[in-house]
């Protein structure tokens, strides 16, 4: 509740300073507000950890320092994730005005289908791996979970294709001709579910030393996409989001396999 209030106050202050006469201003305010809020919360948590370290014992000190270091390594990725939604809206406004913004927002609701699976993965599946100490068993369970997730995501994707007309009718009559865009949005959500799993495993095992370079690489790819894609409408904006998510997913899975390989060599 406090975080939502803080974000509202930040956005309201920015709107008062910048004015209300442009959609770009509104998106910028939302973007800056979200990033600022996340930075403040992360910094507050880090300071609390550092304060408690000074009063802790030496053994506990080392553990807390490791936790803080790993947290700092994933901060850039967290901030990058925060800006993706507002970025797509801003690109939609630039490419096609209010119509594209409305279409991107409406098709974004398809992620609700995958959001249930993503939440289950992050809240239930990934924490189950904590209890697995044997590396061989960990790899087996990892492959099983990844395979099941791909299968379930593929099943939801097929449902979206089979009932595309019905889904678009639910969204509204203005969106009934967005079959291709619906496919792109569904694929993006599928990639997002697998990304959440890969990222969760990397956080769980402490394979975070390459998270910052991976974010830099992803930003570089997004710049290339912006330079190569001709943003003239909703489809191109959604393609930008899909390719961005695909690259992010690939990076997290590669880091998974790197960690599994190194752990297997040490076992």
Protein backbone atom coordinates (compact mmCIF):
# COMPACT_ATOMS: atom_id res chain seq x y z
CA UNK A 1 0.00 0.00 0.00
CA UNK A 2 2.79 2.41 0.93
CA UNK A 3 4.72 1.64 -2.28
CA UNK A 4 1.66 2.32 -4.44
CA UNK A 5 1.05 5.62 -2.65
CA UNK A 6 4.70 6.59 -3.07
CA UNK A 7 4.59 5.83 -6.80
CA UNK A 8 1.37 7.85 -7.17
CA UNK A 9 2.98 10.84 -5.45
CA UNK A 10 6.08 10.62 -7.67
CA UNK A 11 4.01 10.44 -10.86
CA UNK A 12 1.70 13.25 -9.72
CA UNK A 13 4.67 15.51 -8.94
CA UNK A 14 6.22 14.83 -12.35
CA UNK A 15 2.94 15.59 -14.11
CA UNK A 16 2.63 18.87 -12.22
CA UNK A 17 6.16 19.84 -13.22
CA UNK A 18 6.04 18.65 -16.85
CA UNK A 19 2.39 19.40 -17.64
CA UNK A 20 -0.54 17.32 -18.88
CA UNK A 21 -0.60 18.21 -22.58
CA UNK A 22 1.20 15.19 -24.08
CA UNK A 23 0.80 11.38 -23.87
CA UNK A 24 4.59 11.13 -24.00
CA UNK A 25 4.78 13.21 -20.83
CA UNK A 26 2.36 10.86 -19.08
CA UNK A 27 4.30 7.77 -20.13
CA UNK A 28 7.57 9.42 -19.09
CA UNK A 29 6.10 10.22 -15.69
CA UNK A 30 4.93 6.63 -15.21
CA UNK A 31 8.31 5.32 -16.33
CA UNK A 32 10.35 7.58 -14.06
CA UNK A 33 7.98 6.95 -11.17
CA UNK A 34 8.27 3.17 -11.48
CA UNK A 35 12.08 3.24 -11.76
CA UNK A 36 12.45 5.69 -8.87
CA UNK A 37 10.17 3.63 -6.65
CA UNK A 38 12.06 0.42 -7.33
CA UNK A 39 15.41 2.14 -6.74
CA UNK A 40 14.22 3.57 -3.42
CA UNK A 41 12.86 0.23 -2.22
CA UNK A 42 15.99 -1.65 -3.21
CA UNK A 43 18.23 0.93 -1.56
CA UNK A 44 16.13 0.87 1.60
CA UNK A 45 16.37 -2.92 1.81
CA UNK A 46 20.13 -2.81 1.21
CA UNK A 47 20.60 -0.22 3.95
CA UNK A 48 18.61 -2.33 6.37
CA UNK A 49 20.79 -5.32 5.58
CA UNK A 50 23.97 -3.28 6.06
CA UNK A 51 22.73 -1.93 9.38
CA UNK A 52 21.94 -5.40 10.66
CA UNK A 53 25.32 -6.66 9.50
CA UNK A 54 27.17 -4.36 11.86
CA UNK A 55 25.43 -5.93 14.83
CA UNK A 56 25.73 -9.52 13.60
CA UNK A 57 28.35 -12.13 14.23
CA UNK A 58 31.17 -12.81 11.78
CA UNK A 59 29.62 -15.94 10.29
CA UNK A 60 26.32 -14.20 9.73
CA UNK A 61 28.20 -11.21 8.34
CA UNK A 62 29.64 -13.22 5.46
CA UNK A 63 26.24 -14.66 4.53
CA UNK A 64 24.60 -11.25 4.53
CA UNK A 65 27.35 -9.74 2.43
CA UNK A 66 26.82 -12.45 -0.17
CA UNK A 67 23.09 -11.75 -0.20
CA UNK A 68 23.65 -8.01 -0.61
CA UNK A 69 26.15 -8.54 -3.43
CA UNK A 70 23.75 -10.83 -5.28
CA UNK A 71 20.95 -8.32 -4.80
CA UNK A 72 23.05 -5.54 -6.29
CA UNK A 73 23.85 -7.70 -9.28
CA UNK A 74 20.17 -8.12 -10.17
CA UNK A 75 19.18 -4.46 -9.65
CA UNK A 76 19.85 -3.48 -13.31
CA UNK A 77 17.69 -6.37 -14.51
CA UNK A 78 14.88 -5.39 -12.15
CA UNK A 79 14.96 -1.80 -13.33
CA UNK A 80 15.08 -2.91 -16.97
CA UNK A 81 11.99 -5.08 -16.45
CA UNK A 82 10.13 -2.16 -14.91
CA UNK A 83 10.56 0.04 -17.97
CA UNK A 84 9.44 -2.51 -20.58
CA UNK A 85 5.70 -1.95 -20.21
CA UNK A 86 5.86 1.87 -20.42
CA UNK A 87 8.38 1.55 -23.25
CA UNK A 88 5.96 -0.48 -25.37
CA UNK A 89 3.18 2.02 -24.69
CA UNK A 90 5.47 4.90 -25.64
CA UNK A 91 6.51 3.13 -28.85
CA UNK A 92 2.86 2.41 -29.66
CA UNK A 93 2.01 6.08 -29.18
CA UNK A 94 4.90 7.07 -31.43
CA UNK A 95 4.04 4.49 -34.12
CA UNK A 96 0.28 4.75 -34.38
CA UNK A 97 -1.07 7.20 -31.85
CA UNK A 98 -4.01 6.44 -29.59
CA UNK A 99 -5.23 3.53 -31.73
CA UNK A 100 -1.98 1.60 -31.37
CA UNK A 101 -1.81 2.37 -27.65
CA UNK A 102 -5.33 0.96 -27.24
CA UNK A 103 -4.52 -2.14 -29.31
CA UNK A 104 -1.28 -2.89 -27.46
CA UNK A 105 -3.05 -2.45 -24.15
CA UNK A 106 -5.94 -4.70 -25.15
CA UNK A 107 -3.70 -7.46 -26.50
CA UNK A 108 -1.62 -7.23 -23.35
CA UNK A 109 -4.54 -8.80 -21.52
CA UNK A 110 -3.72 -12.09 -23.23
CA UNK A 111 -0.84 -12.31 -20.78
CA UNK A 112 -3.40 -13.04 -18.07
CA UNK A 113 -3.68 -16.58 -19.48
CA UNK A 114 0.04 -17.06 -19.04
CA UNK A 115 0.22 -14.95 -15.88
CA UNK A 116 -1.39 -17.73 -13.89
CA UNK A 117 1.28 -20.16 -15.05
CA UNK A 118 4.06 -17.62 -14.51
CA UNK A 119 2.89 -16.94 -10.97
CA UNK A 120 2.71 -20.67 -10.23
CA UNK A 121 6.23 -21.14 -11.57
CA UNK A 122 7.71 -18.26 -9.57
CA UNK A 123 5.82 -18.93 -6.36
CA UNK A 124 5.64 -22.74 -6.27
CA UNK A 125 7.91 -24.49 -8.78
CA UNK A 126 11.17 -22.55 -8.34
CA UNK A 127 11.12 -22.61 -4.48
CA UNK A 128 10.80 -26.41 -4.61
CA UNK A 129 14.35 -26.55 -5.98
CA UNK A 130 15.74 -25.21 -2.68
CA UNK A 131 15.49 -28.62 -1.05
CA UNK A 132 17.45 -30.38 -3.83
CA UNK A 133 21.12 -30.65 -2.86
CA UNK A 134 22.24 -33.41 -5.23
CA UNK A 135 23.42 -31.87 -8.52
CA UNK A 136 22.38 -34.80 -10.70
CA UNK A 137 18.89 -34.77 -9.23
CA UNK A 138 18.77 -30.98 -9.59
CA UNK A 139 19.56 -31.20 -13.32
CA UNK A 140 16.94 -33.91 -13.80
CA UNK A 141 14.27 -31.86 -12.04
CA UNK A 142 15.32 -28.74 -13.94
CA UNK A 143 14.92 -30.46 -17.30
CA UNK A 144 11.58 -31.95 -16.21
CA UNK A 145 10.24 -28.59 -15.01
CA UNK A 146 11.47 -26.76 -18.10
CA UNK A 147 9.91 -29.38 -20.40
CA UNK A 148 6.58 -29.24 -18.55
CA UNK A 149 6.58 -25.47 -18.71
CA UNK A 150 7.23 -25.42 -22.42
CA UNK A 151 4.45 -27.97 -22.91
CA UNK A 152 1.95 -26.05 -20.77
CA UNK A 153 2.86 -22.74 -22.40
CA UNK A 154 2.49 -24.37 -25.81
CA UNK A 155 -0.93 -25.71 -24.78
CA UNK A 156 -2.09 -22.23 -23.73
CA UNK A 157 -0.69 -20.85 -26.97
CA UNK A 158 -2.68 -23.39 -28.98
CA UNK A 159 -5.81 -22.47 -27.04
CA UNK A 160 -5.23 -18.83 -27.92
CA UNK A 161 -4.91 -19.77 -31.61
CA UNK A 162 -7.96 -22.05 -31.61
CA UNK A 163 -10.17 -19.47 -29.94
CA UNK A 164 -8.58 -16.36 -31.44
CA UNK A 165 -11.89 -15.07 -32.79
CA UNK A 166 -13.63 -15.49 -29.43
CA UNK A 167 -10.77 -13.86 -27.54
CA UNK A 168 -10.75 -10.87 -29.86
CA UNK A 169 -14.53 -10.54 -29.56
CA UNK A 170 -14.15 -10.46 -25.78
CA UNK A 171 -11.62 -7.66 -26.16
CA UNK A 172 -14.11 -5.73 -28.29
CA UNK A 173 -15.34 -5.26 -31.83
CA UNK A 174 -12.53 -2.81 -32.56
CA UNK A 175 -9.95 -5.58 -32.15
CA UNK A 176 -11.48 -8.41 -34.20
CA UNK A 177 -8.98 -8.00 -37.06
CA UNK A 178 -5.88 -8.42 -34.90
CA UNK A 179 -5.34 -12.15 -35.41
CA UNK A 180 -1.65 -11.79 -36.33
CA UNK A 181 -1.07 -9.39 -33.45
CA UNK A 182 -2.75 -11.86 -31.08
CA UNK A 183 -0.29 -14.57 -32.16
CA UNK A 184 2.65 -12.27 -31.50
CA UNK A 185 1.31 -11.30 -28.07
CA UNK A 186 0.77 -14.98 -27.20
CA UNK A 187 4.32 -15.94 -28.23
CA UNK A 188 5.68 -13.05 -26.16
CA UNK A 189 3.78 -14.27 -23.11
CA UNK A 190 5.07 -17.82 -23.70
CA UNK A 191 8.64 -16.50 -23.76
CA UNK A 192 7.91 -14.51 -20.62
CA UNK A 193 6.88 -17.60 -18.67
CA UNK A 194 10.08 -19.45 -19.56
CA UNK A 195 12.12 -16.32 -18.80
CA UNK A 196 10.61 -16.14 -15.32
CA UNK A 197 11.60 -19.76 -14.68
CA UNK A 198 15.17 -19.30 -15.92
CA UNK A 199 15.63 -16.09 -13.96
CA UNK A 200 14.21 -17.70 -10.83
CA UNK A 201 16.67 -20.59 -11.07
CA UNK A 202 19.58 -18.20 -11.54
CA UNK A 203 18.55 -16.24 -8.46
CA UNK A 204 18.01 -19.40 -6.45
CA UNK A 205 21.45 -20.83 -7.20
CA UNK A 206 23.29 -17.52 -7.01
CA UNK A 207 24.19 -17.57 -10.70
CA UNK A 208 23.93 -13.80 -10.87
CA UNK A 209 27.45 -12.70 -11.76
CA UNK A 210 26.52 -12.30 -15.44
CA UNK A 211 23.15 -10.65 -14.94
CA UNK A 212 24.54 -7.15 -15.50
CA UNK A 213 26.29 -8.06 -18.81
CA UNK A 214 23.12 -9.83 -19.94
CA UNK A 215 21.08 -6.67 -19.35
CA UNK A 216 23.64 -4.62 -21.28
CA UNK A 217 23.47 -7.12 -24.14
CA UNK A 218 19.67 -7.05 -24.11
CA UNK A 219 19.61 -3.25 -24.22
CA UNK A 220 22.06 -3.34 -27.14
CA UNK A 221 19.78 -5.78 -29.00
CA UNK A 222 16.78 -3.55 -28.32
CA UNK A 223 18.61 -0.57 -29.77
CA UNK A 224 19.37 -2.62 -32.89
CA UNK A 225 15.71 -3.61 -33.10
CA UNK A 226 14.61 0.01 -32.88
CA UNK A 227 17.02 0.88 -35.68
CA UNK A 228 15.98 -2.03 -37.91
CA UNK A 229 12.23 -2.24 -37.34
CA UNK A 230 10.04 0.31 -39.07
CA UNK A 231 7.63 1.25 -36.31
CA UNK A 232 4.51 2.09 -38.27
CA UNK A 233 1.85 0.34 -36.24
CA UNK A 234 0.81 -2.10 -33.54
CA UNK A 235 2.31 -5.18 -35.18
CA UNK A 236 5.82 -3.75 -35.34
CA UNK A 237 5.66 -2.62 -31.70
CA UNK A 238 4.56 -6.09 -30.62
CA UNK A 239 7.36 -7.64 -32.69
CA UNK A 240 9.83 -5.45 -30.84
CA UNK A 241 8.44 -6.76 -27.55
CA UNK A 242 8.50 -10.37 -28.76
CA UNK A 243 12.10 -10.29 -29.99
CA UNK A 244 13.19 -8.51 -26.82
CA UNK A 245 11.56 -11.17 -24.67
CA UNK A 246 13.05 -13.95 -26.81
CA UNK A 247 16.56 -12.57 -26.32
CA UNK A 248 15.99 -12.14 -22.58
CA UNK A 249 14.71 -15.73 -22.32
CA UNK A 250 17.69 -17.07 -24.26
CA UNK A 251 20.15 -15.25 -22.00
CA UNK A 252 18.56 -16.62 -18.82
CA UNK A 253 18.49 -20.19 -20.15
CA UNK A 254 22.11 -19.93 -21.29
CA UNK A 255 23.06 -18.80 -17.77
CA UNK A 256 21.10 -21.77 -16.40
CA UNK A 257 23.07 -24.21 -18.54
CA UNK A 258 26.36 -22.53 -17.68
CA UNK A 259 25.60 -22.91 -13.98
CA UNK A 260 24.47 -26.50 -14.38
CA UNK A 261 27.59 -27.37 -16.36
CA UNK A 262 29.93 -25.84 -13.78
CA UNK A 263 28.04 -27.49 -10.91
CA UNK A 264 28.21 -30.83 -12.72
CA UNK A 265 31.97 -30.46 -13.16
CA UNK A 266 32.41 -29.85 -9.46
CA UNK A 267 30.20 -32.71 -8.31
